[in-house]
Amino acid sequence: MTTTDDRAAMPAAARSEAAAAPRRPRRSRRLRDLAPLGFTLPALGWFLLFTVGPLVSLFYYSLTDWRGLIAPRTYVGFRNFGRLFARQEFHQAVTNTLVQLVVTLPVVIAGAFMIAYYLSLRPRGHRFVRAVLFTPVLLSAPALAMVFVGVFAPSGLVNGLLQNLGLGSAAKPWLAQSSSASIAILVVIVWSSMSVSAAMLASRLNSVSAEIFEAAEIDGCGHWRRMWLIAWPVCREFVGVVTMLQFLWTLFSSAAVVLLLTRGGPGYSTVNLSYLVYDYSFNQSKVGYGQAVAVMLFVVGVAGLLGIRRLFRQNY
């Protein structure tokens, strides 16, 4: 027989069971939602170990006096940065880096966009032109350097062409003089960068509806107006991506061009910040100085990316 106390206790038990019942499914749903995160742990560990770790060590080593991999490290604070601003080669490297960015970025992006627009018209032989555009990518850095050493040699292609045009007085050892060596570096950066940027921009233009250009042609727009007043605004955001990639390459990777062609010379006329990182760290055994320059490059790179992103942001 069920007593009154049992009957009074039964609803309480039922209520507790009813309250506890949803907890199991909710807990299992949470576990089920968190389960996919387990698959990201290897990638997250890789990112922390090989991206965040070196970045943190970069800032740490820039605050030390370190002469090499087997030499002891001494913490010196911001002394490396103060000493850098007093060095002549650092000021020359900053100037050369700014000149390379200011000259090559507009030339490469504008030239690449015009080539890309031409390819989007699909003229005869456009597939061959696209294949040729990837030639700089197929050449390794040493092979590319050897090509341009021959081009700018005293008896090379440039001087030979000048002599054939009757301008032999303008011939010079291009890589052995301060003024002409800087120009040669700029030419190599532009040549090796424009083709790849043009290929990327051409792939974006091919995705634009042909009806837009046909309508503009019916309205009387020539190729120049269609290129800059229609194609450019449509591809504005993608142009920003290509500009960011070119900015990063010029800022960080142009050291290979300088190293293989001039080694920063004559004097300090062609040294830039990315080459200075290599020179301080490996040639002069001043790793702390090299990492201090790398920190400055990192800050300039982040600021430049944010500025380019804002400049090329779509307005519609």
Protein backbone atom coordinates (compact mmCIF):
# COMPACT_ATOMS: atom_id res chain seq x y z
CA MET A 1 0.00 0.00 0.00
CA THR A 2 1.33 3.47 -0.92
CA THR A 3 1.42 5.93 1.90
CA THR A 4 0.73 9.64 1.73
CA ASP A 5 4.44 10.35 2.14
CA ASP A 6 5.23 8.08 -0.82
CA ARG A 7 2.63 9.83 -2.95
CA ALA A 8 4.08 13.20 -1.94
CA ALA A 9 7.59 12.01 -2.74
CA MET A 10 6.73 10.65 -6.19
CA PRO A 11 6.04 13.98 -7.89
CA ALA A 12 9.34 15.33 -6.53
CA ALA A 13 11.24 12.36 -7.95
CA ALA A 14 9.43 12.72 -11.23
CA ARG A 15 10.29 16.37 -11.36
CA SER A 16 13.94 15.66 -10.61
CA GLU A 17 14.04 13.02 -13.36
CA ALA A 18 12.38 15.41 -15.77
CA ALA A 19 14.89 18.11 -14.88
CA ALA A 20 17.83 15.74 -15.22
CA ALA A 21 16.66 14.18 -18.47
CA PRO A 22 17.54 17.12 -20.75
CA ARG A 23 21.01 17.42 -19.25
CA ARG A 24 22.32 14.29 -20.89
CA PRO A 25 21.38 15.31 -24.44
CA ARG A 26 22.69 18.85 -23.87
CA ARG A 27 25.99 17.52 -22.57
CA SER A 28 26.26 15.08 -25.45
CA ARG A 29 25.50 17.86 -27.93
CA ARG A 30 28.29 19.95 -26.45
CA LEU A 31 30.71 17.06 -26.76
CA ARG A 32 29.54 16.47 -30.30
CA ASP A 33 30.09 20.16 -31.16
CA LEU A 34 33.54 20.17 -29.59
CA ALA A 35 34.63 16.94 -31.26
CA PRO A 36 35.57 18.58 -34.62
CA LEU A 37 37.92 20.90 -32.74
CA GLY A 38 40.06 17.88 -32.01
CA PHE A 39 40.88 17.61 -35.70
CA THR A 40 42.24 21.18 -35.67
CA LEU A 41 44.69 20.53 -32.84
CA PRO A 42 47.54 19.31 -35.12
CA ALA A 43 47.20 22.39 -37.33
CA LEU A 44 46.94 24.63 -34.28
CA GLY A 45 50.03 23.06 -32.76
CA TRP A 46 51.92 23.48 -36.03
CA PHE A 47 50.86 27.15 -36.21
CA LEU A 48 51.92 27.85 -32.63
CA LEU A 49 55.24 26.04 -33.01
CA PHE A 50 56.38 27.29 -36.42
CA THR A 51 54.63 30.67 -36.73
CA VAL A 52 53.94 32.16 -33.34
CA GLY A 53 57.09 30.65 -31.81
CA PRO A 54 59.55 32.16 -34.33
CA LEU A 55 57.70 35.47 -34.15
CA VAL A 56 58.08 35.62 -30.38
CA SER A 57 61.74 34.61 -30.62
CA LEU A 58 62.26 37.33 -33.23
CA PHE A 59 61.25 40.01 -30.76
CA TYR A 60 63.28 38.40 -27.98
CA TYR A 61 66.52 38.05 -29.98
CA SER A 62 66.24 41.66 -31.13
CA LEU A 63 66.78 42.65 -27.48
CA THR A 64 69.97 40.63 -27.10
CA ASP A 65 73.64 40.92 -28.02
CA TRP A 66 74.19 37.63 -29.86
CA ARG A 67 77.22 36.90 -32.01
CA GLY A 68 76.18 33.57 -33.48
CA LEU A 69 74.42 30.27 -32.95
CA ILE A 70 77.03 28.87 -30.54
CA ALA A 71 77.81 32.19 -28.84
CA PRO A 72 76.16 33.21 -25.54
CA ARG A 73 73.35 35.74 -25.58
CA THR A 74 73.26 38.87 -23.43
CA TYR A 75 70.10 40.87 -22.85
CA VAL A 76 70.68 44.53 -23.83
CA GLY A 77 67.13 45.84 -24.09
CA PHE A 78 66.49 48.35 -26.86
CA ARG A 79 70.17 49.17 -27.29
CA ASN A 80 70.31 47.44 -30.68
CA PHE A 81 67.60 49.72 -32.06
CA GLY A 82 69.38 52.83 -30.79
CA ARG A 83 72.66 51.77 -32.35
CA LEU A 84 71.01 50.96 -35.67
CA PHE A 85 69.76 54.52 -36.11
CA ALA A 86 73.35 55.75 -35.80
CA ARG A 87 74.70 53.48 -38.59
CA GLN A 88 75.11 54.79 -42.13
CA GLU A 89 74.21 51.54 -43.85
CA PHE A 90 70.90 51.42 -42.00
CA HIS A 91 69.89 54.87 -43.24
CA GLN A 92 70.91 53.93 -46.78
CA ALA A 93 68.95 50.66 -46.50
CA VAL A 94 65.81 52.53 -45.40
CA THR A 95 66.15 54.94 -48.33
CA ASN A 96 66.71 52.15 -50.86
CA THR A 97 63.77 50.15 -49.51
CA LEU A 98 61.43 53.13 -49.77
CA VAL A 99 62.62 53.86 -53.32
CA GLN A 100 62.07 50.24 -54.34
CA LEU A 101 58.55 50.23 -52.91
CA VAL A 102 57.54 53.62 -54.31
CA VAL A 103 58.92 52.86 -57.79
CA THR A 104 58.17 49.18 -58.29
CA LEU A 105 54.67 48.91 -56.79
CA PRO A 106 52.92 51.40 -59.14
CA VAL A 107 54.90 50.23 -62.18
CA VAL A 108 54.30 46.53 -61.52
CA ILE A 109 50.60 46.82 -60.67
CA ALA A 110 49.73 49.22 -63.51
CA GLY A 111 51.79 47.30 -66.06
CA ALA A 112 50.46 43.93 -64.90
CA PHE A 113 46.88 45.16 -65.07
CA MET A 114 47.31 46.41 -68.66
CA ILE A 115 48.85 43.08 -69.68
CA ALA A 116 46.02 41.24 -67.91
CA TYR A 117 43.39 43.31 -69.72
CA TYR A 118 45.05 42.55 -73.05
CA LEU A 119 45.02 38.84 -72.25
CA SER A 120 41.35 39.01 -71.20
CA LEU A 121 40.54 40.04 -74.78
CA ARG A 122 41.83 36.61 -75.85
CA PRO A 123 43.92 37.77 -78.83
CA ARG A 124 45.60 35.30 -81.12
CA GLY A 125 48.41 33.51 -79.27
CA HIS A 126 47.17 34.52 -75.80
CA ARG A 127 47.81 31.02 -74.43
CA PHE A 128 51.44 31.24 -75.49
CA VAL A 129 51.75 34.66 -73.87
CA ARG A 130 50.30 33.27 -70.63
CA ALA A 131 52.86 30.47 -70.65
CA VAL A 132 55.70 32.95 -71.25
CA LEU A 133 54.52 35.06 -68.31
CA PHE A 134 55.44 32.23 -65.94
CA THR A 135 59.04 32.13 -67.15
CA PRO A 136 60.39 34.09 -64.14
CA VAL A 137 58.73 31.58 -61.82
CA LEU A 138 60.47 28.69 -63.57
CA LEU A 139 63.90 30.30 -63.09
CA SER A 140 65.60 29.84 -59.74
CA ALA A 141 67.08 32.91 -58.06
CA PRO A 142 70.71 32.01 -59.00
CA ALA A 143 69.70 31.35 -62.61
CA LEU A 144 67.81 34.63 -62.76
CA ALA A 145 70.81 36.46 -61.33
CA MET A 146 73.15 34.91 -63.88
CA VAL A 147 70.85 36.02 -66.71
CA PHE A 148 70.90 39.64 -65.55
CA VAL A 149 74.62 39.60 -64.78
CA GLY A 150 75.03 38.86 -68.48
CA VAL A 151 72.48 41.52 -69.43
CA PHE A 152 74.23 44.26 -67.42
CA ALA A 153 77.83 43.15 -67.99
CA PRO A 154 80.22 45.65 -69.67
CA SER A 155 79.98 43.61 -72.89
CA GLY A 156 76.42 42.48 -72.19
CA LEU A 157 73.07 42.93 -73.85
CA VAL A 158 72.32 46.48 -72.64
CA ASN A 159 75.64 47.98 -73.66
CA GLY A 160 75.58 46.09 -76.96
CA LEU A 161 72.12 47.47 -77.72
CA LEU A 162 73.23 51.01 -76.86
CA GLN A 163 76.22 50.74 -79.17
CA ASN A 164 74.06 49.45 -82.04
CA LEU A 165 71.77 52.45 -81.56
CA GLY A 166 74.69 54.84 -81.72
CA LEU A 167 74.57 55.57 -77.99
CA GLY A 168 77.87 53.99 -77.07
CA SER A 169 78.70 56.93 -74.80
CA ALA A 170 75.87 55.82 -72.50
CA ALA A 171 77.36 52.33 -72.06
CA LYS A 172 78.73 51.67 -68.60
CA PRO A 173 79.45 48.85 -66.13
CA TRP A 174 75.92 48.93 -64.77
CA LEU A 175 76.47 46.80 -61.67
CA ALA A 176 79.76 48.48 -60.73
CA GLN A 177 78.51 52.06 -60.39
CA SER A 178 76.30 53.30 -57.56
CA SER A 179 73.67 55.12 -59.62
CA SER A 180 73.30 52.48 -62.34
CA ALA A 181 73.40 49.53 -59.92
CA SER A 182 70.27 50.84 -58.16
CA ILE A 183 68.51 51.12 -61.52
CA ALA A 184 69.53 47.57 -62.41
CA ILE A 185 68.07 46.24 -59.17
CA LEU A 186 64.78 48.04 -59.87
CA VAL A 187 64.66 46.59 -63.39
CA VAL A 188 65.17 43.04 -62.12
CA ILE A 189 62.47 43.43 -59.45
CA VAL A 190 59.97 44.82 -61.97
CA TRP A 191 60.73 42.16 -64.60
CA SER A 192 60.51 39.24 -62.17
CA SER A 193 57.30 40.50 -60.54
CA MET A 194 55.13 41.94 -63.31
CA SER A 195 54.55 38.72 -65.23
CA VAL A 196 53.21 36.72 -62.29
CA SER A 197 50.99 39.61 -61.18
CA ALA A 198 49.65 39.89 -64.74
CA ALA A 199 48.78 36.21 -64.81
CA MET A 200 46.86 36.47 -61.53
CA LEU A 201 44.98 39.59 -62.63
CA ALA A 202 44.15 37.99 -65.97
CA SER A 203 42.49 35.08 -64.18
CA ARG A 204 40.31 37.56 -62.28
CA LEU A 205 39.37 39.51 -65.42
CA ASN A 206 38.34 36.30 -67.16
CA SER A 207 35.65 35.83 -64.50
CA VAL A 208 34.07 39.22 -65.28
CA SER A 209 30.96 38.94 -67.43
CA ALA A 210 31.65 39.80 -71.07
CA GLU A 211 28.30 41.57 -71.24
CA ILE A 212 29.71 44.43 -69.16
CA PHE A 213 32.43 45.17 -71.70
CA GLU A 214 30.06 44.64 -74.63
CA ALA A 215 27.65 47.20 -73.20
CA ALA A 216 30.49 49.66 -72.70
CA GLU A 217 31.64 49.09 -76.28
CA ILE A 218 28.14 49.80 -77.57
CA ASP A 219 28.15 53.05 -75.58
CA GLY A 220 31.33 54.09 -77.39
CA CYS A 221 33.96 53.30 -74.75
CA GLY A 222 37.40 52.54 -76.14
CA HIS A 223 39.82 50.04 -74.65
CA TRP A 224 41.53 52.64 -72.46
CA ARG A 225 38.27 53.76 -70.82
CA ARG A 226 37.01 50.19 -70.51
CA MET A 227 40.25 49.16 -68.85
CA TRP A 228 40.46 51.93 -66.23
CA LEU A 229 36.81 52.97 -65.76
CA ILE A 230 35.18 49.53 -65.84
CA ALA A 231 37.68 46.68 -65.43
CA TRP A 232 39.73 48.41 -62.71
CA PRO A 233 36.77 49.20 -60.38
CA VAL A 234 35.34 45.71 -60.85
CA CYS A 235 38.67 44.08 -59.93
CA ARG A 236 39.65 46.68 -57.34
CA GLU A 237 39.63 44.35 -54.34
CA PHE A 238 41.58 41.62 -56.15
CA VAL A 239 44.08 44.23 -57.33
CA GLY A 240 44.54 45.05 -53.65
CA VAL A 241 45.40 41.41 -52.94
CA VAL A 242 47.99 41.35 -55.73
CA THR A 243 49.39 44.66 -54.48
CA MET A 244 49.77 43.22 -50.98
CA LEU A 245 51.61 40.19 -52.34
CA GLN A 246 53.93 42.40 -54.39
CA PHE A 247 54.50 44.68 -51.40
CA LEU A 248 55.50 41.72 -49.22
CA TRP A 249 57.77 40.26 -51.91
CA THR A 250 59.58 43.56 -52.45
CA LEU A 251 59.90 44.20 -48.73
CA PHE A 252 61.03 40.75 -47.60
CA SER A 253 62.29 38.72 -50.58
CA SER A 254 64.21 41.24 -52.68
CA ALA A 255 67.30 40.43 -50.58
CA ALA A 256 68.02 37.51 -52.94
CA VAL A 257 68.28 39.87 -55.93
CA VAL A 258 70.63 42.21 -54.06
CA LEU A 259 72.74 39.35 -52.70
CA LEU A 260 73.25 37.63 -56.04
CA LEU A 261 73.79 40.73 -58.17
CA THR A 262 75.62 43.35 -56.09
CA ARG A 263 75.92 42.16 -52.44
CA GLY A 264 74.69 45.59 -51.42
CA GLY A 265 77.41 47.44 -53.31
CA PRO A 266 79.08 49.43 -54.59
CA GLY A 267 79.45 50.68 -51.05
CA TYR A 268 75.95 50.68 -49.58
CA SER A 269 74.23 51.93 -52.74
CA THR A 270 71.96 48.90 -53.26
CA VAL A 271 71.60 47.53 -49.73
CA ASN A 272 68.00 47.33 -48.48
CA LEU A 273 66.44 46.29 -45.18
CA SER A 274 65.81 42.67 -46.10
CA TYR A 275 69.42 42.26 -47.27
CA LEU A 276 70.61 43.99 -44.10
CA VAL A 277 68.96 41.24 -42.02
CA TYR A 278 71.04 38.65 -43.87
CA ASP A 279 74.23 40.73 -43.81
CA TYR A 280 74.11 41.45 -40.08
CA SER A 281 73.08 37.93 -39.09
CA PHE A 282 75.39 35.83 -41.28
CA ASN A 283 78.21 38.00 -42.63
CA GLN A 284 78.89 40.24 -39.64
CA SER A 285 77.72 37.82 -36.89
CA LYS A 286 75.49 40.47 -35.33
CA VAL A 287 72.33 38.44 -34.91
CA GLY A 288 70.80 40.91 -32.47
CA TYR A 289 71.18 43.71 -35.01
CA GLY A 290 69.73 41.52 -37.74
CA GLN A 291 66.70 40.62 -35.64
CA ALA A 292 66.18 44.27 -34.74
CA VAL A 293 65.99 45.10 -38.45
CA ALA A 294 63.61 42.16 -38.92
CA VAL A 295 61.32 43.56 -36.21
CA MET A 296 61.22 46.88 -38.06
CA LEU A 297 60.43 45.03 -41.29
CA PHE A 298 57.60 43.20 -39.53
CA VAL A 299 56.10 46.46 -38.26
CA VAL A 300 56.40 48.11 -41.68
CA GLY A 301 54.87 45.03 -43.32
CA VAL A 302 51.83 45.00 -41.04
CA ALA A 303 51.31 48.76 -41.45
CA GLY A 304 51.69 48.48 -45.21
CA LEU A 305 49.19 45.62 -45.47
CA LEU A 306 46.61 47.55 -43.46
CA GLY A 307 47.15 50.65 -45.59
CA ILE A 308 46.88 48.76 -48.89
CA ARG A 309 43.79 46.94 -47.66
CA ARG A 310 42.12 50.22 -46.80
CA LEU A 311 43.18 51.85 -50.08
CA PHE A 312 41.76 49.10 -52.28
CA ARG A 313 38.62 48.43 -50.26
CA GLN A 314 35.49 48.28 -52.41
CA ASN A 315 33.26 51.34 -52.08
CA TYR A 316 30.00 49.65 -52.96
